[in-house]
Amino acid sequence: MARRTLSPSIPMAHITINQYLQQVQEAIDSRDGQFCAELVSFKHPHVANPRLQLPSPEEKCQQVLEPPYDEMFAAHLRALPIMYAVALDLRIFANNADQQLVKKGKSKVGDMLEKAAELLMSCFRVCASDTRAGIEDSKKWGMLFLVNQLFKIYFKINKLHLCKPLIRAIDSSNLKDEYSMAQRVTYRYYVGRKAMFDS
């Protein structure tokens, strides 16, 4: 069965809540279980879309979807910020753990942050290696947020040489101008700081 999708000019990481829910309704109407599953997956690029991160999505979902789908997708949309929050919290917890362990003499500075960076790099590799043809379905939308978290760690533990491959990956990405303004500003700030150190 042919699946109706959004225009390629409207990638999933930039669609409105109404466009997203319309995709869900079309998947339900056409009994396209696979596409419906993608639309509720945290691996799908819509997760990176700030327009879908609503504090109270119930009303919007009820306007477009019939029960029980309205409640299911409202719960999913409430959880969208979790993906970024986990990466952010991992870095913060690792930093706090480092400080506590160093005070107790049980670890050297940066040990926990290095372990956190390894986990974030694993996530980054998954995103960067996604070779699906349709960019709207690509995991590459998650790359810049992870790069920014890694930059913060590498600057903290003074391992700036590890930033270089990340900068190459973003600069060669065809999405580098499509990420959110906040992510791009953070990225350019750290790239600028690294350039100052290099000179």
C-alpha atoms as a PDB file:
ATOM      1  CA  MET A   1       0.000   0.000   0.000  1.00  0.00           C
ATOM      2  CA  ALA A   2       1.447   3.381  -0.983  1.00  0.00           C
ATOM      3  CA  ARG A   3       2.206   5.699   1.883  1.00  0.00           C
ATOM      4  CA  ARG A   4       1.351   9.372   1.635  1.00  0.00           C
ATOM      5  CA  THR A   5       4.113  11.550   3.009  1.00  0.00           C
ATOM      6  CA  LEU A   6       4.829  15.203   3.456  1.00  0.00           C
ATOM      7  CA  SER A   7       6.516  17.195   0.737  1.00  0.00           C
ATOM      8  CA  PRO A   8      10.329  16.735   0.822  1.00  0.00           C
ATOM      9  CA  SER A   9      10.546  20.487   1.446  1.00  0.00           C
ATOM     10  CA  ILE A  10       8.931  19.949   4.879  1.00  0.00           C
ATOM     11  CA  PRO A  11      11.242  17.588   6.788  1.00  0.00           C
ATOM     12  CA  MET A  12       9.904  15.814   9.865  1.00  0.00           C
ATOM     13  CA  ALA A  13      12.193  17.836  12.118  1.00  0.00           C
ATOM     14  CA  HIS A  14      10.362  21.039  11.080  1.00  0.00           C
ATOM     15  CA  ILE A  15       6.698  20.042  10.687  1.00  0.00           C
ATOM     16  CA  THR A  16       3.887  21.572  12.727  1.00  0.00           C
ATOM     17  CA  ILE A  17       1.865  19.628  15.270  1.00  0.00           C
ATOM     18  CA  ASN A  18      -1.106  19.544  12.864  1.00  0.00           C
ATOM     19  CA  GLN A  19       1.044  18.158  10.016  1.00  0.00           C
ATOM     20  CA  TYR A  20       2.477  15.496  12.328  1.00  0.00           C
ATOM     21  CA  LEU A  21      -0.946  14.410  13.584  1.00  0.00           C
ATOM     22  CA  GLN A  22      -2.264  14.368  10.000  1.00  0.00           C
ATOM     23  CA  GLN A  23       0.537  11.917   9.130  1.00  0.00           C
ATOM     24  CA  VAL A  24      -0.535   9.793  12.100  1.00  0.00           C
ATOM     25  CA  GLN A  25      -4.184   9.855  10.979  1.00  0.00           C
ATOM     26  CA  GLU A  26      -3.224   8.898   7.412  1.00  0.00           C
ATOM     27  CA  ALA A  27      -1.160   5.974   8.729  1.00  0.00           C
ATOM     28  CA  ILE A  28      -4.125   4.809  10.831  1.00  0.00           C
ATOM     29  CA  ASP A  29      -6.650   5.242   7.986  1.00  0.00           C
ATOM     30  CA  SER A  30      -4.469   3.314   5.535  1.00  0.00           C
ATOM     31  CA  ARG A  31      -3.689   0.661   8.176  1.00  0.00           C
ATOM     32  CA  ASP A  32       0.007   1.311   7.717  1.00  0.00           C
ATOM     33  CA  GLY A  33       1.225  -0.122  11.012  1.00  0.00           C
ATOM     34  CA  GLN A  34       4.899   0.218  10.149  1.00  0.00           C
ATOM     35  CA  PHE A  35       4.666   3.957   9.465  1.00  0.00           C
ATOM     36  CA  CYS A  36       2.496   4.470  12.552  1.00  0.00           C
ATOM     37  CA  ALA A  37       5.170   2.713  14.620  1.00  0.00           C
ATOM     38  CA  GLU A  38       7.844   5.004  13.138  1.00  0.00           C
ATOM     39  CA  LEU A  39       5.780   8.048  14.100  1.00  0.00           C
ATOM     40  CA  VAL A  40       5.745   6.966  17.741  1.00  0.00           C
ATOM     41  CA  SER A  41       9.411   5.894  17.846  1.00  0.00           C
ATOM     42  CA  PHE A  42      12.051   7.946  19.657  1.00  0.00           C
ATOM     43  CA  LYS A  43      14.452   7.051  16.831  1.00  0.00           C
ATOM     44  CA  HIS A  44      12.320   9.025  14.368  1.00  0.00           C
ATOM     45  CA  PRO A  45      13.501  12.562  13.394  1.00  0.00           C
ATOM     46  CA  HIS A  46      10.286  14.237  14.606  1.00  0.00           C
ATOM     47  CA  VAL A  47      11.705  13.811  18.120  1.00  0.00           C
ATOM     48  CA  ALA A  48      14.164  16.646  17.379  1.00  0.00           C
ATOM     49  CA  ASN A  49      11.361  19.026  16.412  1.00  0.00           C
ATOM     50  CA  PRO A  50      10.788  21.726  19.077  1.00  0.00           C
ATOM     51  CA  ARG A  51       7.348  22.488  17.575  1.00  0.00           C
ATOM     52  CA  LEU A  52       6.109  19.106  18.778  1.00  0.00           C
ATOM     53  CA  GLN A  53       7.372  19.482  22.338  1.00  0.00           C
ATOM     54  CA  LEU A  54       4.112  20.681  23.863  1.00  0.00           C
ATOM     55  CA  PRO A  55       3.455  20.810  27.620  1.00  0.00           C
ATOM     56  CA  SER A  56      -0.221  19.828  27.087  1.00  0.00           C
ATOM     57  CA  PRO A  57      -0.773  18.143  23.696  1.00  0.00           C
ATOM     58  CA  GLU A  58      -4.062  16.470  24.666  1.00  0.00           C
ATOM     59  CA  GLU A  59      -6.363  19.063  23.085  1.00  0.00           C
ATOM     60  CA  LYS A  60      -4.541  19.038  19.732  1.00  0.00           C
ATOM     61  CA  CYS A  61      -4.544  15.244  19.642  1.00  0.00           C
ATOM     62  CA  GLN A  62      -8.268  15.077  20.448  1.00  0.00           C
ATOM     63  CA  GLN A  63      -9.035  17.510  17.601  1.00  0.00           C
ATOM     64  CA  VAL A  64      -7.354  15.297  14.990  1.00  0.00           C
ATOM     65  CA  LEU A  65      -7.306  11.713  16.303  1.00  0.00           C
ATOM     66  CA  GLU A  66     -10.032   9.346  17.489  1.00  0.00           C
ATOM     67  CA  PRO A  67      -9.775   7.374  20.746  1.00  0.00           C
ATOM     68  CA  PRO A  68      -7.641   5.513  21.734  1.00  0.00           C
ATOM     69  CA  TYR A  69      -5.043   7.046  19.402  1.00  0.00           C
ATOM     70  CA  ASP A  70      -5.519  10.568  20.775  1.00  0.00           C
ATOM     71  CA  GLU A  71      -4.370   9.486  24.254  1.00  0.00           C
ATOM     72  CA  MET A  72      -1.533   7.336  22.897  1.00  0.00           C
ATOM     73  CA  PHE A  73       0.018  10.117  20.832  1.00  0.00           C
ATOM     74  CA  ALA A  74      -0.597  12.770  23.495  1.00  0.00           C
ATOM     75  CA  ALA A  75       1.464  10.630  25.880  1.00  0.00           C
ATOM     76  CA  HIS A  76       4.162  10.230  23.216  1.00  0.00           C
ATOM     77  CA  LEU A  77       4.374  13.973  22.534  1.00  0.00           C
ATOM     78  CA  ARG A  78       4.654  14.751  26.247  1.00  0.00           C
ATOM     79  CA  ALA A  79       7.698  12.484  26.347  1.00  0.00           C
ATOM     80  CA  LEU A  80       9.503  13.985  23.335  1.00  0.00           C
ATOM     81  CA  PRO A  81      11.871  16.200  25.376  1.00  0.00           C
ATOM     82  CA  ILE A  82      13.177  13.069  27.142  1.00  0.00           C
ATOM     83  CA  MET A  83      15.538  12.259  24.299  1.00  0.00           C
ATOM     84  CA  TYR A  84      17.502  15.489  24.705  1.00  0.00           C
ATOM     85  CA  ALA A  85      17.064  15.620  28.478  1.00  0.00           C
ATOM     86  CA  VAL A  86      18.773  12.243  28.976  1.00  0.00           C
ATOM     87  CA  ALA A  87      21.894  13.340  27.076  1.00  0.00           C
ATOM     88  CA  LEU A  88      21.993  16.655  28.928  1.00  0.00           C
ATOM     89  CA  ASP A  89      21.465  15.024  32.324  1.00  0.00           C
ATOM     90  CA  LEU A  90      24.116  12.407  31.603  1.00  0.00           C
ATOM     91  CA  ARG A  91      26.715  15.148  31.123  1.00  0.00           C
ATOM     92  CA  ILE A  92      25.601  17.068  34.229  1.00  0.00           C
ATOM     93  CA  PHE A  93      25.498  13.949  36.427  1.00  0.00           C
ATOM     94  CA  ALA A  94      28.925  12.869  35.181  1.00  0.00           C
ATOM     95  CA  ASN A  95      30.338  16.291  36.022  1.00  0.00           C
ATOM     96  CA  ASN A  96      28.825  16.173  39.523  1.00  0.00           C
ATOM     97  CA  ALA A  97      30.070  12.614  40.053  1.00  0.00           C
ATOM     98  CA  ASP A  98      33.570  13.697  39.008  1.00  0.00           C
ATOM     99  CA  GLN A  99      33.580  16.482  41.587  1.00  0.00           C
ATOM    100  CA  GLN A 100      32.406  14.169  44.376  1.00  0.00           C
ATOM    101  CA  LEU A 101      34.876  11.392  43.531  1.00  0.00           C
ATOM    102  CA  VAL A 102      37.813  13.787  43.249  1.00  0.00           C
ATOM    103  CA  LYS A 103      36.981  15.253  46.680  1.00  0.00           C
ATOM    104  CA  LYS A 104      37.033  11.739  48.140  1.00  0.00           C
ATOM    105  CA  GLY A 105      40.260  10.885  46.319  1.00  0.00           C
ATOM    106  CA  LYS A 106      38.596   7.991  44.492  1.00  0.00           C
ATOM    107  CA  SER A 107      39.024   9.260  40.955  1.00  0.00           C
ATOM    108  CA  LYS A 108      40.989  11.720  38.866  1.00  0.00           C
ATOM    109  CA  VAL A 109      39.385  14.785  37.293  1.00  0.00           C
ATOM    110  CA  GLY A 110      37.323  13.981  34.204  1.00  0.00           C
ATOM    111  CA  ASP A 111      36.972  10.198  34.580  1.00  0.00           C
ATOM    112  CA  MET A 112      33.173  10.212  34.711  1.00  0.00           C
ATOM    113  CA  LEU A 113      32.904  12.847  31.987  1.00  0.00           C
ATOM    114  CA  GLU A 114      35.073  10.683  29.720  1.00  0.00           C
ATOM    115  CA  LYS A 115      32.745   7.736  30.285  1.00  0.00           C
ATOM    116  CA  ALA A 116      29.737   9.955  29.559  1.00  0.00           C
ATOM    117  CA  ALA A 117      31.435  11.149  26.367  1.00  0.00           C
ATOM    118  CA  GLU A 118      31.895   7.536  25.242  1.00  0.00           C
ATOM    119  CA  LEU A 119      28.157   6.918  25.617  1.00  0.00           C
ATOM    120  CA  LEU A 120      27.266  10.131  23.792  1.00  0.00           C
ATOM    121  CA  MET A 121      29.720   9.221  21.011  1.00  0.00           C
ATOM    122  CA  SER A 122      27.944   5.887  20.579  1.00  0.00           C
ATOM    123  CA  CYS A 123      24.694   7.792  20.060  1.00  0.00           C
ATOM    124  CA  PHE A 124      26.423  10.209  17.696  1.00  0.00           C
ATOM    125  CA  ARG A 125      27.804   7.357  15.548  1.00  0.00           C
ATOM    126  CA  VAL A 126      24.319   5.872  15.200  1.00  0.00           C
ATOM    127  CA  CYS A 127      22.979   9.239  14.023  1.00  0.00           C
ATOM    128  CA  ALA A 128      25.917  10.023  11.726  1.00  0.00           C
ATOM    129  CA  SER A 129      25.917   6.611  10.036  1.00  0.00           C
ATOM    130  CA  ASP A 130      22.238   6.705   9.063  1.00  0.00           C
ATOM    131  CA  THR A 131      22.254   6.373   5.260  1.00  0.00           C
ATOM    132  CA  ARG A 132      18.530   6.389   4.537  1.00  0.00           C
ATOM    133  CA  ALA A 133      17.704   8.241   1.323  1.00  0.00           C
ATOM    134  CA  GLY A 134      14.945  10.444   2.717  1.00  0.00           C
ATOM    135  CA  ILE A 135      16.492  13.147   4.881  1.00  0.00           C
ATOM    136  CA  GLU A 136      13.156  13.725   6.611  1.00  0.00           C
ATOM    137  CA  ASP A 137      13.493  10.219   8.086  1.00  0.00           C
ATOM    138  CA  SER A 138      17.190  10.497   8.942  1.00  0.00           C
ATOM    139  CA  LYS A 139      18.612  10.135  12.435  1.00  0.00           C
ATOM    140  CA  LYS A 140      21.156  12.779  11.427  1.00  0.00           C
ATOM    141  CA  TRP A 141      18.810  15.388  12.909  1.00  0.00           C
ATOM    142  CA  GLY A 142      20.162  14.359  16.319  1.00  0.00           C
ATOM    143  CA  MET A 143      23.823  14.982  15.477  1.00  0.00           C
ATOM    144  CA  LEU A 144      24.264  18.632  16.414  1.00  0.00           C
ATOM    145  CA  PHE A 145      22.723  18.375  19.876  1.00  0.00           C
ATOM    146  CA  LEU A 146      25.067  15.490  20.698  1.00  0.00           C
ATOM    147  CA  VAL A 147      28.070  17.345  19.249  1.00  0.00           C
ATOM    148  CA  ASN A 148      27.315  20.330  21.479  1.00  0.00           C
ATOM    149  CA  GLN A 149      27.166  18.105  24.568  1.00  0.00           C
ATOM    150  CA  LEU A 150      30.460  16.492  23.561  1.00  0.00           C
ATOM    151  CA  PHE A 151      32.071  19.905  23.022  1.00  0.00           C
ATOM    152  CA  LYS A 152      31.137  20.894  26.572  1.00  0.00           C
ATOM    153  CA  ILE A 153      32.750  17.731  27.911  1.00  0.00           C
ATOM    154  CA  TYR A 154      35.912  17.995  25.791  1.00  0.00           C
ATOM    155  CA  PHE A 155      36.466  21.609  26.818  1.00  0.00           C
ATOM    156  CA  LYS A 156      35.955  20.649  30.468  1.00  0.00           C
ATOM    157  CA  ILE A 157      38.489  17.791  30.361  1.00  0.00           C
ATOM    158  CA  ASN A 158      40.867  19.665  28.045  1.00  0.00           C
ATOM    159  CA  LYS A 159      40.722  17.237  25.121  1.00  0.00           C
ATOM    160  CA  LEU A 160      40.066  19.721  22.340  1.00  0.00           C
ATOM    161  CA  HIS A 161      41.690  17.490  19.702  1.00  0.00           C
ATOM    162  CA  LEU A 162      38.599  15.264  19.953  1.00  0.00           C
ATOM    163  CA  CYS A 163      36.457  18.144  18.643  1.00  0.00           C
ATOM    164  CA  LYS A 164      38.072  18.059  15.192  1.00  0.00           C
ATOM    165  CA  PRO A 165      36.272  14.994  13.750  1.00  0.00           C
ATOM    166  CA  LEU A 166      32.971  16.296  15.132  1.00  0.00           C
ATOM    167  CA  ILE A 167      33.486  19.656  13.416  1.00  0.00           C
ATOM    168  CA  ARG A 168      34.285  17.856  10.149  1.00  0.00           C
ATOM    169  CA  ALA A 169      31.122  15.759  10.467  1.00  0.00           C
ATOM    170  CA  ILE A 170      28.875  18.788  10.998  1.00  0.00           C
ATOM    171  CA  ASP A 171      30.575  20.966   8.377  1.00  0.00           C
ATOM    172  CA  SER A 172      30.142  18.224   5.769  1.00  0.00           C
ATOM    173  CA  SER A 173      26.498  17.639   6.719  1.00  0.00           C
ATOM    174  CA  ASN A 174      23.805  18.918   4.383  1.00  0.00           C
ATOM    175  CA  LEU A 175      21.746  19.705   7.497  1.00  0.00           C
ATOM    176  CA  LYS A 176      24.211  22.143   9.067  1.00  0.00           C
ATOM    177  CA  ASP A 177      22.016  25.157   8.263  1.00  0.00           C
ATOM    178  CA  GLU A 178      18.751  23.364   9.098  1.00  0.00           C
ATOM    179  CA  TYR A 179      19.249  22.670  12.805  1.00  0.00           C
ATOM    180  CA  SER A 180      17.564  24.902  15.372  1.00  0.00           C
ATOM    181  CA  MET A 181      19.042  28.364  15.887  1.00  0.00           C
ATOM    182  CA  ALA A 182      19.920  27.581  19.516  1.00  0.00           C
ATOM    183  CA  GLN A 183      21.904  24.491  18.505  1.00  0.00           C
ATOM    184  CA  ARG A 184      23.725  26.352  15.722  1.00  0.00           C
ATOM    185  CA  VAL A 185      24.671  29.249  18.024  1.00  0.00           C
ATOM    186  CA  THR A 186      26.080  26.852  20.647  1.00  0.00           C
ATOM    187  CA  TYR A 187      28.006  24.971  17.968  1.00  0.00           C
ATOM    188  CA  ARG A 188      29.543  28.125  16.494  1.00  0.00           C
ATOM    189  CA  TYR A 189      30.474  29.385  19.954  1.00  0.00           C
ATOM    190  CA  TYR A 190      32.544  26.273  20.665  1.00  0.00           C
ATOM    191  CA  VAL A 191      34.030  26.172  17.165  1.00  0.00           C
ATOM    192  CA  GLY A 192      35.088  29.796  17.686  1.00  0.00           C
ATOM    193  CA  ARG A 193      36.633  29.002  21.069  1.00  0.00           C
ATOM    194  CA  LYS A 194      38.561  26.103  19.575  1.00  0.00           C
ATOM    195  CA  ALA A 195      39.821  28.329  16.741  1.00  0.00           C
ATOM    196  CA  MET A 196      41.154  30.787  19.344  1.00  0.00           C
ATOM    197  CA  PHE A 197      43.013  27.995  21.141  1.00  0.00           C
ATOM    198  CA  ASP A 198      44.413  26.684  17.863  1.00  0.00           C
ATOM    199  CA  SER A 199      45.776  30.099  16.896  1.00  0.00           C
END
